[in-house]
Amino acid sequence: MSSTRIDADTLRRLPKAVLHDHLDGGLRPATVVELAETVGHTLPTTDPDELAAWYFDAANSGDLVRYIATFEHTLAVLQNREGLLRAAEEYVLDLAADGVVYGEVRYAPELNTNGDLTMSEVVETVQEGLAAGMAKAAAAGTPVQVRTLLCGMRMFDRVGEAADLAVAFRDAGVVGFDIAGAEDGFPPADHLAAFEHLRRESVPFTIHAGEAHGLPSIHQALQVCGAQRIGHGVRITEDIVDGKLGRLAGWVRDRRIALEMCPTSNLQTGAATSIAGHPITALKDLGFRVTLNTDNRLVSGTTMTREMSLLVEEAGWTVEDLRTVTVNALKSAFIPYDERKALIEDVVLPGYASAL
């Protein structure tokens, strides 16, 4: 099937996998409005459509720091049990409606403790909401598996606590760890003790790197901290000249280290200049294990279906290309091998075969 024949309904129905998506960046606009009224938080507007547009416009600044600042309003409504339960349940249902069959949701529990909840209680509440969402999705005939990555905020001092929680909840739906927040000026190695602890406990982790900061950030994440995946990683292209890979780029490709790429988000933060020229296509063609992700669905005004559609329309992607990045994501998911294999063989490959 050629790229020009992939219609919108086919794209929506294709089975998808997302590894890089933030809970606090994916709320429904109407939910933000309703929860804000409950907690007395003032929003830029109380019209859901206008609020969605405000988020999208505010995020299109080309600046990662300003992009992150849009989270003030979503985090304000996620400081109590009610808000977290609803956000987590709706998160799952929205993925299911978008054709996602496996997702890893990430968030930093320290950012949800401005109310009465402890970090541990935040994790328990989110897991409860995710379970409720998965039960409803399964009952509706659109099953989706959602697992959790806990984040530490790299510019603050509670990364170790978040890592401890990832270990404590690893048998309760938490499958890995990440550090998030402003990348430039806050190198991964600042939190080496946390990563060493996770390695000792056999908890996998990814690291945001190669977005706002370049090759040194990716090198530290992999070679110093030991990350199994890289969040974004678009600037690995700085180690590729005329199709020839440098040592770091070669390491990433040859060891099948997944790159969690988020095209729309990268345009908003200035890490890429267009969908057509986004590094995901060139890296895919060079044999890197690229994966396609949404990052923050509310802030970027996007879905997995939309990300796929943009690549089809503007970068010439085919159904085979979409299948490749979906399989890539499942191969690098932080769940056991037999679960990954079953999703690929029983769900993804049959789903794509019907579209070819």
Protein backbone atom coordinates (compact mmCIF):
# COMPACT_ATOMS: atom_id res chain seq x y z
CA MET A 1 0.00 0.00 0.00
CA SER A 2 1.41 3.42 -0.91
CA SER A 3 1.46 6.28 1.55
CA THR A 4 -1.18 8.20 -0.40
CA ARG A 5 -3.76 5.42 0.15
CA ILE A 6 -3.65 5.36 3.94
CA ASP A 7 -6.93 6.96 4.94
CA ALA A 8 -7.71 8.45 8.34
CA ASP A 9 -9.90 5.56 9.49
CA THR A 10 -7.22 3.02 8.63
CA LEU A 11 -4.63 5.01 10.59
CA ARG A 12 -6.87 5.21 13.62
CA ARG A 13 -7.52 1.45 13.58
CA LEU A 14 -3.87 0.42 13.20
CA PRO A 15 -2.52 -1.06 16.48
CA LYS A 16 -0.11 1.36 18.10
CA ALA A 17 2.44 1.39 20.92
CA VAL A 18 3.62 4.50 22.74
CA LEU A 19 6.64 4.56 25.06
CA HIS A 20 7.01 8.31 25.72
CA ASP A 21 3.87 10.07 26.96
CA HIS A 22 3.46 12.21 30.07
CA LEU A 23 0.35 11.85 32.23
CA ASP A 24 0.28 15.52 33.20
CA GLY A 25 0.62 16.54 29.54
CA GLY A 26 -2.28 14.45 28.29
CA LEU A 27 -5.39 15.54 30.16
CA ARG A 28 -8.65 16.26 28.36
CA PRO A 29 -9.26 20.05 28.15
CA ALA A 30 -12.77 19.64 29.57
CA THR A 31 -11.35 17.68 32.51
CA VAL A 32 -8.84 20.43 33.27
CA VAL A 33 -11.69 22.97 33.28
CA GLU A 34 -13.90 20.89 35.57
CA LEU A 35 -11.16 19.95 38.01
CA ALA A 36 -9.84 23.54 38.12
CA GLU A 37 -13.27 24.76 39.16
CA THR A 38 -13.35 22.14 41.91
CA VAL A 39 -10.01 23.20 43.39
CA GLY A 40 -10.40 26.92 42.73
CA HIS A 41 -7.59 27.28 40.22
CA THR A 42 -7.79 30.06 37.64
CA LEU A 43 -7.22 29.04 34.02
CA PRO A 44 -6.45 31.20 30.97
CA THR A 45 -9.99 30.31 29.79
CA THR A 46 -12.78 28.02 30.96
CA ASP A 47 -13.88 27.06 27.45
CA PRO A 48 -12.43 23.59 26.68
CA ASP A 49 -11.84 24.31 22.99
CA GLU A 50 -10.21 27.65 23.74
CA LEU A 51 -8.09 26.03 26.45
CA ALA A 52 -6.89 23.36 24.01
CA ALA A 53 -5.92 26.11 21.57
CA TRP A 54 -4.17 28.06 24.35
CA TYR A 55 -2.03 25.05 25.22
CA PHE A 56 -1.10 24.43 21.61
CA ASP A 57 -0.24 28.08 20.96
CA ALA A 58 1.71 28.48 24.20
CA ALA A 59 3.75 25.38 23.45
CA ASN A 60 4.69 26.56 19.96
CA SER A 61 7.38 28.87 21.27
CA GLY A 62 10.39 26.92 20.09
CA ASP A 63 11.70 26.98 23.65
CA LEU A 64 11.79 23.93 25.92
CA VAL A 65 11.60 25.95 29.16
CA ARG A 66 8.43 27.76 28.02
CA TYR A 67 7.00 24.48 26.78
CA ILE A 68 7.47 22.96 30.23
CA ALA A 69 5.88 26.02 31.85
CA THR A 70 2.50 25.15 30.28
CA PHE A 71 2.21 22.35 32.82
CA GLU A 72 1.36 24.82 35.61
CA HIS A 73 -2.35 24.41 34.97
CA THR A 74 -2.48 20.64 34.50
CA LEU A 75 -0.42 20.04 37.62
CA ALA A 76 -2.67 22.37 39.60
CA VAL A 77 -5.58 19.97 39.13
CA LEU A 78 -3.55 16.85 39.93
CA GLN A 79 -2.87 17.46 43.61
CA ASN A 80 -5.60 15.30 45.09
CA ARG A 81 -6.97 11.79 44.79
CA GLU A 82 -9.98 12.79 42.68
CA GLY A 83 -7.92 14.53 40.04
CA LEU A 84 -5.32 11.78 39.77
CA LEU A 85 -7.88 8.98 39.58
CA ARG A 86 -9.83 10.72 36.83
CA ALA A 87 -6.77 11.72 34.83
CA ALA A 88 -5.33 8.20 34.95
CA GLU A 89 -8.57 6.49 33.97
CA GLU A 90 -9.25 8.90 31.11
CA TYR A 91 -5.64 8.57 29.99
CA VAL A 92 -6.17 4.85 29.35
CA LEU A 93 -9.54 5.34 27.65
CA ASP A 94 -8.09 7.98 25.33
CA LEU A 95 -5.26 5.66 24.30
CA ALA A 96 -7.73 2.85 23.63
CA ALA A 97 -9.86 5.14 21.46
CA ASP A 98 -6.75 6.02 19.46
CA GLY A 99 -5.92 2.40 18.64
CA VAL A 100 -3.09 2.08 21.17
CA VAL A 101 -2.63 -1.50 22.41
CA TYR A 102 0.37 -0.86 24.65
CA GLY A 103 1.43 2.32 26.40
CA GLU A 104 3.94 3.44 28.99
CA VAL A 105 2.79 6.53 30.87
CA ARG A 106 5.30 8.61 32.81
CA TYR A 107 5.00 11.27 35.46
CA ALA A 108 6.95 12.68 38.41
CA PRO A 109 5.11 11.91 41.68
CA GLU A 110 6.96 14.70 43.49
CA LEU A 111 5.00 17.21 41.37
CA ASN A 112 1.69 15.94 42.78
CA THR A 113 2.41 16.42 46.49
CA ASN A 114 1.28 20.03 46.97
CA GLY A 115 -1.90 18.74 48.58
CA ASP A 116 -2.22 16.03 51.22
CA LEU A 117 -0.76 13.11 49.24
CA THR A 118 2.66 11.61 49.75
CA MET A 119 4.70 10.45 46.75
CA SER A 120 3.81 6.83 47.56
CA GLU A 121 0.11 7.67 47.77
CA VAL A 122 0.34 9.45 44.42
CA VAL A 123 1.71 6.30 42.80
CA GLU A 124 -0.95 4.10 44.44
CA THR A 125 -3.71 6.45 43.25
CA VAL A 126 -2.47 6.65 39.67
CA GLN A 127 -2.16 2.86 39.48
CA GLU A 128 -5.73 2.54 40.75
CA GLY A 129 -6.96 4.93 38.05
CA LEU A 130 -5.02 3.16 35.31
CA ALA A 131 -6.48 -0.19 36.40
CA ALA A 132 -10.01 1.22 36.25
CA GLY A 133 -9.35 2.57 32.77
CA MET A 134 -7.95 -0.73 31.52
CA ALA A 135 -10.97 -2.60 32.88
CA LYS A 136 -13.37 -0.23 31.10
CA ALA A 137 -11.39 -0.38 27.85
CA ALA A 138 -11.38 -4.18 27.92
CA ALA A 139 -15.11 -4.28 28.62
CA ALA A 140 -15.67 -2.01 25.61
CA GLY A 141 -13.74 -4.36 23.34
CA THR A 142 -10.69 -2.10 22.98
CA PRO A 143 -8.15 -3.64 25.37
CA VAL A 144 -4.95 -1.74 26.06
CA GLN A 145 -2.08 -2.51 28.40
CA VAL A 146 -0.69 0.55 30.19
CA ARG A 147 2.38 0.43 32.40
CA THR A 148 4.11 3.21 34.34
CA LEU A 149 7.48 4.91 34.34
CA LEU A 150 8.20 7.08 37.38
CA CYS A 151 10.17 10.26 36.75
CA GLY A 152 12.57 12.20 38.90
CA MET A 153 12.89 15.91 38.12
CA ARG A 154 16.53 16.41 37.16
CA MET A 155 16.73 19.98 38.49
CA PHE A 156 15.41 19.09 41.96
CA ASP A 157 16.63 16.88 44.79
CA ARG A 158 14.04 14.08 44.99
CA VAL A 159 15.29 11.90 42.14
CA GLY A 160 16.50 9.27 44.62
CA GLU A 161 13.07 9.09 46.25
CA ALA A 162 11.41 8.56 42.87
CA ALA A 163 13.92 5.82 42.06
CA ASP A 164 13.13 4.13 45.38
CA LEU A 165 9.43 4.18 44.46
CA ALA A 166 10.15 2.62 41.07
CA VAL A 167 11.80 -0.26 42.93
CA ALA A 168 9.01 -0.49 45.51
CA PHE A 169 6.21 -0.57 42.92
CA ARG A 170 7.92 -2.70 40.27
CA ASP A 171 5.47 -5.55 40.86
CA ALA A 172 2.46 -3.23 40.88
CA GLY A 173 2.48 -1.81 37.35
CA VAL A 174 5.59 0.38 37.47
CA VAL A 175 8.04 -1.01 34.91
CA GLY A 176 10.78 1.62 34.77
CA PHE A 177 12.21 5.05 35.52
CA ASP A 178 13.17 8.31 33.82
CA ILE A 179 14.45 11.76 34.62
CA ALA A 180 12.60 14.71 33.12
CA GLY A 181 12.65 18.49 33.22
CA ALA A 182 14.98 21.10 31.77
CA GLU A 183 17.81 19.18 30.12
CA ASP A 184 20.36 21.90 29.47
CA GLY A 185 22.45 22.56 32.59
CA PHE A 186 21.21 19.48 34.44
CA PRO A 187 23.28 16.54 33.15
CA PRO A 188 22.14 12.95 33.78
CA ALA A 189 25.30 12.13 35.71
CA ASP A 190 24.16 14.46 38.49
CA HIS A 191 21.90 11.57 39.49
CA LEU A 192 24.33 8.72 39.02
CA ALA A 193 23.61 7.27 42.47
CA ALA A 194 19.94 6.80 41.59
CA PHE A 195 20.79 5.06 38.33
CA GLU A 196 23.30 2.78 40.03
CA HIS A 197 20.62 1.87 42.58
CA LEU A 198 18.16 1.03 39.79
CA ARG A 199 20.74 -1.13 38.01
CA ARG A 200 21.46 -3.04 41.22
CA GLU A 201 17.72 -3.67 41.60
CA SER A 202 17.30 -4.65 37.92
CA VAL A 203 14.85 -1.82 37.18
CA PRO A 204 15.24 -0.52 33.60
CA PHE A 205 15.31 3.18 32.84
CA THR A 206 15.25 5.67 30.03
CA ILE A 207 16.68 9.20 30.16
CA HIS A 208 15.54 12.39 28.44
CA ALA A 209 18.62 13.31 26.37
CA GLY A 210 19.60 14.78 23.04
CA GLU A 211 16.72 17.25 22.83
CA ALA A 212 17.70 20.60 24.33
CA HIS A 213 21.29 19.45 24.80
CA GLY A 214 23.39 17.56 22.28
CA LEU A 215 25.75 14.60 22.06
CA PRO A 216 27.32 14.96 25.54
CA SER A 217 23.86 14.47 27.08
CA ILE A 218 23.26 11.28 25.08
CA HIS A 219 26.76 10.00 25.84
CA GLN A 220 26.30 10.55 29.57
CA ALA A 221 22.87 8.93 29.56
CA LEU A 222 24.20 5.80 27.89
CA GLN A 223 27.85 5.39 28.77
CA VAL A 224 27.92 6.89 32.26
CA CYS A 225 24.41 6.25 33.59
CA GLY A 226 23.55 3.08 31.65
CA ALA A 227 20.17 3.98 30.14
CA GLN A 228 18.43 1.28 28.12
CA ARG A 229 16.50 3.81 26.00
CA ILE A 230 16.81 7.49 25.15
CA GLY A 231 13.96 9.98 25.45
CA HIS A 232 13.91 12.00 22.21
CA GLY A 233 17.55 11.66 21.11
CA VAL A 234 17.00 13.73 17.95
CA ARG A 235 20.45 15.30 18.19
CA ILE A 236 22.18 11.98 17.63
CA THR A 237 22.21 13.23 14.03
CA GLU A 238 25.08 15.53 15.05
CA ASP A 239 27.20 12.37 15.07
CA ILE A 240 26.21 11.40 11.53
CA VAL A 241 27.93 13.07 8.55
CA ASP A 242 26.95 12.21 4.98
CA GLY A 243 25.40 8.95 6.18
CA LYS A 244 28.53 7.91 8.08
CA LEU A 245 27.98 7.16 11.74
CA GLY A 246 30.33 8.36 14.44
CA ARG A 247 31.17 6.18 17.42
CA LEU A 248 28.24 7.27 19.57
CA ALA A 249 25.69 7.02 16.75
CA GLY A 250 27.09 3.61 15.87
CA TRP A 251 26.79 2.49 19.46
CA VAL A 252 23.13 3.54 19.56
CA ARG A 253 22.24 1.85 16.29
CA ASP A 254 24.28 -1.32 16.66
CA ARG A 255 23.07 -2.07 20.19
CA ARG A 256 19.44 -1.43 19.25
CA ILE A 257 18.97 1.34 21.79
CA ALA A 258 15.49 2.69 21.23
CA LEU A 259 15.04 6.38 20.50
CA GLU A 260 11.72 7.66 21.84
CA MET A 261 11.01 10.24 19.14
CA CYS A 262 8.18 12.79 19.38
CA PRO A 263 7.94 14.77 16.11
CA THR A 264 5.28 17.38 16.96
CA SER A 265 6.78 18.02 20.39
CA ASN A 266 10.25 18.42 18.85
CA LEU A 267 8.90 21.07 16.47
CA GLN A 268 7.41 22.96 19.40
CA THR A 269 10.62 22.96 21.42
CA GLY A 270 12.85 23.79 18.48
CA ALA A 271 14.58 20.40 18.40
CA ALA A 272 13.39 19.93 14.81
CA THR A 273 12.25 22.33 12.09
CA SER A 274 9.64 20.34 10.14
CA ILE A 275 7.89 16.98 10.00
CA ALA A 276 9.30 16.34 6.54
CA GLY A 277 12.83 17.00 7.78
CA HIS A 278 12.47 15.44 11.24
CA PRO A 279 15.40 13.09 12.01
CA ILE A 280 13.03 10.16 12.66
CA THR A 281 12.81 9.39 8.94
CA ALA A 282 16.52 9.50 8.21
CA LEU A 283 17.32 7.50 11.34
CA LYS A 284 14.69 4.91 10.43
CA ASP A 285 16.24 4.56 6.98
CA LEU A 286 19.71 4.15 8.55
CA GLY A 287 18.49 1.24 10.65
CA PHE A 288 18.15 2.91 14.07
CA ARG A 289 15.50 1.56 16.42
CA VAL A 290 13.28 4.62 16.28
CA THR A 291 9.89 4.68 17.97
CA LEU A 292 7.02 7.11 17.44
CA ASN A 293 5.49 8.91 20.41
CA THR A 294 3.22 11.78 21.44
CA ASP A 295 5.10 13.19 24.47
CA ASN A 296 2.24 15.41 25.67
CA ARG A 297 -1.07 15.01 23.86
CA LEU A 298 -2.81 18.08 25.30
CA VAL A 299 0.18 20.40 25.09
CA SER A 300 1.05 19.29 21.56
CA GLY A 301 -2.55 18.96 20.41
CA THR A 302 -1.81 15.48 19.12
CA THR A 303 -2.53 11.76 19.21
CA MET A 304 -0.67 8.72 17.90
CA THR A 305 -3.00 8.72 14.90
CA ARG A 306 -2.12 12.34 14.20
CA GLU A 307 1.63 11.70 14.52
CA MET A 308 1.32 8.83 12.06
CA SER A 309 -0.79 10.93 9.69
CA LEU A 310 1.77 13.74 9.66
CA LEU A 311 4.58 11.34 8.77
CA VAL A 312 2.48 9.77 6.02
CA GLU A 313 1.44 13.10 4.53
CA GLU A 314 4.64 15.10 4.96
CA ALA A 315 7.45 12.52 5.07
CA GLY A 316 6.10 9.85 2.74
CA TRP A 317 5.76 7.07 5.30
CA THR A 318 4.01 3.82 4.36
CA VAL A 319 2.06 1.27 6.38
CA GLU A 320 5.26 -0.78 6.49
CA ASP A 321 7.10 2.14 8.08
CA LEU A 322 4.38 2.54 10.71
CA ARG A 323 4.51 -1.17 11.43
CA THR A 324 8.29 -0.96 11.85
CA VAL A 325 8.19 1.75 14.52
CA THR A 326 5.33 -0.02 16.32
CA VAL A 327 7.25 -3.28 16.47
CA ASN A 328 10.35 -1.32 17.49
CA ALA A 329 8.46 0.15 20.43
CA LEU A 330 7.27 -3.23 21.65
CA LYS A 331 10.72 -4.77 21.26
CA SER A 332 12.05 -2.08 23.61
CA ALA A 333 9.11 -1.90 26.03
CA PHE A 334 10.01 -2.42 29.69
CA ILE A 335 7.82 -5.52 30.06
CA PRO A 336 8.90 -9.19 29.95
CA TYR A 337 9.94 -10.69 26.63
CA ASP A 338 7.03 -13.13 26.41
CA GLU A 339 4.53 -10.29 26.84
CA ARG A 340 6.25 -8.22 24.15
CA LYS A 341 6.38 -11.20 21.80
CA ALA A 342 2.69 -11.94 22.28
CA LEU A 343 1.68 -8.35 21.55
CA ILE A 344 3.77 -8.28 18.39
CA GLU A 345 2.70 -11.67 17.03
CA ASP A 346 -0.93 -11.78 18.19
CA VAL A 347 -1.99 -8.13 17.95
CA VAL A 348 0.33 -5.86 15.98
CA LEU A 349 1.38 -7.96 13.00
CA PRO A 350 -2.18 -9.23 12.28
CA GLY A 351 -3.50 -5.69 12.62
CA TYR A 352 -1.06 -4.35 10.06
CA ALA A 353 -1.51 -7.33 7.75
CA SER A 354 -5.17 -6.39 7.37
CA ALA A 355 -4.17 -2.92 6.20
CA LEU A 356 -1.68 -4.09 3.56
